[in-house]
Structures are given as structure tokens and as C-alpha cells.
Amino acid sequence: MDSERTRNLKFVVQAALCVVFLVFGVDLLIGSYSLEQVPYFILTFFASNLIILISLALLAGAVVRRFRKTEPPPETPTEEQQSPENSDPTCRE
């Protein structure tokens, strides 16, 4: 299926971007501990935590969307499948 291929490709691209930003956020968090000025440390610490939080939330959403089971649409009965007694609109039970 072509739609399944594009769905897999979208998942791989989104997951790869999330992992890249997650690694960047962790690296920024580790680097923030080497800062000597307290205001810069606080800014960098909270910014890195925000980057980590957003990338993890997007990654979790991508995983849930990828592995969620989708139900097929309900089938509508064709004219051959309808019984003759139900075809008269004036007949009510």
C-alpha cells in the first residue's frame, strides 16, 4: 500500500527529528551545569527542560498515532443486500 508507506515515512521522519531535539536538549542540560553565572544557568536549565519535554511529548504522540488500531469504516448495504420487505417506505412495524 502506498498510503502505508507514506505513513511509515512520516513516522520515521517525525521520530528522528524528535530524537535529534531530545539529544540536543540533554546536551544543553548537561552544558548548563558548567555555566558560572546563576542567571544564565537558570535560563539554560529551564530552556533545556522545555526542549526535552516538547520533544518527548511529540515522540509519544507519534508512537501512539503509529501503533493505534484504526477500525475500518462501516459497510453500507447495497440494493441486492436489502430485503424486499424493508424496501417499502410506507410499511412500518
Protein backbone atom coordinates (compact mmCIF):
# COMPACT_ATOMS: atom_id res chain seq x y z
CA MET A 1 0.00 0.00 0.00
CA ASP A 2 1.26 3.42 -0.90
CA SER A 3 -0.56 5.14 1.95
CA GLU A 4 1.05 2.76 4.44
CA ARG A 5 4.48 3.63 3.03
CA THR A 6 3.90 7.36 3.39
CA ARG A 7 2.51 6.83 6.89
CA ASN A 8 5.66 4.91 7.86
CA LEU A 9 7.89 7.54 6.26
CA LYS A 10 6.13 10.35 8.15
CA PHE A 11 6.55 8.43 11.40
CA VAL A 12 10.26 7.82 10.82
CA VAL A 13 10.93 11.46 9.93
CA GLN A 14 8.98 12.79 12.92
CA ALA A 15 10.57 10.31 15.31
CA ALA A 16 14.07 11.13 14.01
CA LEU A 17 13.51 14.86 14.47
CA CYS A 18 12.19 14.30 17.98
CA VAL A 19 15.21 12.20 18.91
CA VAL A 20 17.58 14.85 17.50
CA PHE A 21 15.93 17.56 19.60
CA LEU A 22 15.88 15.26 22.62
CA VAL A 23 19.64 14.70 22.33
CA PHE A 24 20.14 18.45 21.83
CA GLY A 25 18.07 19.19 24.96
CA VAL A 26 20.01 16.69 27.08
CA ASP A 27 23.31 18.08 25.79
CA LEU A 28 22.14 21.60 26.63
CA LEU A 29 21.08 20.45 30.09
CA ILE A 30 24.48 18.91 30.76
CA GLY A 31 26.21 22.01 29.41
CA SER A 32 24.15 24.29 31.65
CA TYR A 33 25.87 22.89 34.73
CA SER A 34 29.21 24.26 33.55
CA LEU A 35 27.93 27.86 33.50
CA GLU A 36 29.23 30.01 36.32
CA GLN A 37 26.70 32.84 36.26
CA VAL A 38 23.50 31.90 38.05
CA PRO A 39 21.01 33.74 35.75
CA TYR A 40 22.50 32.06 32.67
CA PHE A 41 22.38 28.70 34.41
CA ILE A 42 18.70 29.11 35.32
CA LEU A 43 17.74 30.25 31.81
CA THR A 44 19.64 27.44 30.12
CA PHE A 45 18.40 24.84 32.59
CA PHE A 46 14.72 25.66 32.08
CA ALA A 47 15.12 26.08 28.31
CA SER A 48 16.72 22.65 28.01
CA ASN A 49 13.98 21.10 30.12
CA LEU A 50 11.35 22.68 27.86
CA ILE A 51 13.08 21.31 24.75
CA ILE A 52 13.22 17.85 26.32
CA LEU A 53 9.56 18.00 27.38
CA ILE A 54 8.30 19.08 23.96
CA SER A 55 10.37 16.53 22.07
CA LEU A 56 9.24 13.70 24.36
CA ALA A 57 5.58 14.72 24.03
CA LEU A 58 5.83 14.84 20.22
CA LEU A 59 7.64 11.50 20.17
CA ALA A 60 4.98 9.90 22.37
CA GLY A 61 2.25 11.31 20.12
CA ALA A 62 3.95 9.93 17.02
CA VAL A 63 4.28 6.48 18.59
CA VAL A 64 0.65 6.43 19.72
CA ARG A 65 -0.56 7.57 16.29
CA ARG A 66 1.61 4.98 14.54
CA PHE A 67 0.53 1.96 16.58
CA ARG A 68 -3.12 2.89 17.20
CA LYS A 69 -5.51 0.40 15.67
CA THR A 70 -7.88 2.02 13.22
CA GLU A 71 -11.26 0.45 12.57
CA PRO A 72 -12.44 0.08 9.00
CA PRO A 73 -15.42 2.26 8.04
CA PRO A 74 -18.82 0.57 8.44
CA GLU A 75 -20.16 -1.02 5.29
CA THR A 76 -23.40 0.33 3.85
CA PRO A 77 -25.75 -2.33 2.47
CA THR A 78 -26.18 -2.39 -1.28
CA GLU A 79 -29.55 -2.75 -3.01
CA GLU A 80 -29.04 -6.51 -3.50
CA GLN A 81 -28.40 -6.99 0.23
CA GLN A 82 -31.60 -5.24 1.32
CA SER A 83 -34.58 -7.50 1.87
CA PRO A 84 -37.75 -6.83 -0.17
CA GLU A 85 -39.98 -6.33 2.88
CA ASN A 86 -37.80 -3.42 4.08
CA SER A 87 -37.83 -1.64 0.73
CA ASP A 88 -41.37 -0.21 1.04
CA PRO A 89 -41.15 3.16 2.86
CA THR A 90 -44.87 3.13 3.79
CA CYS A 91 -44.60 -0.18 5.64
CA ARG A 92 -43.98 0.44 9.35
CA GLU A 93 -43.89 -2.06 12.14
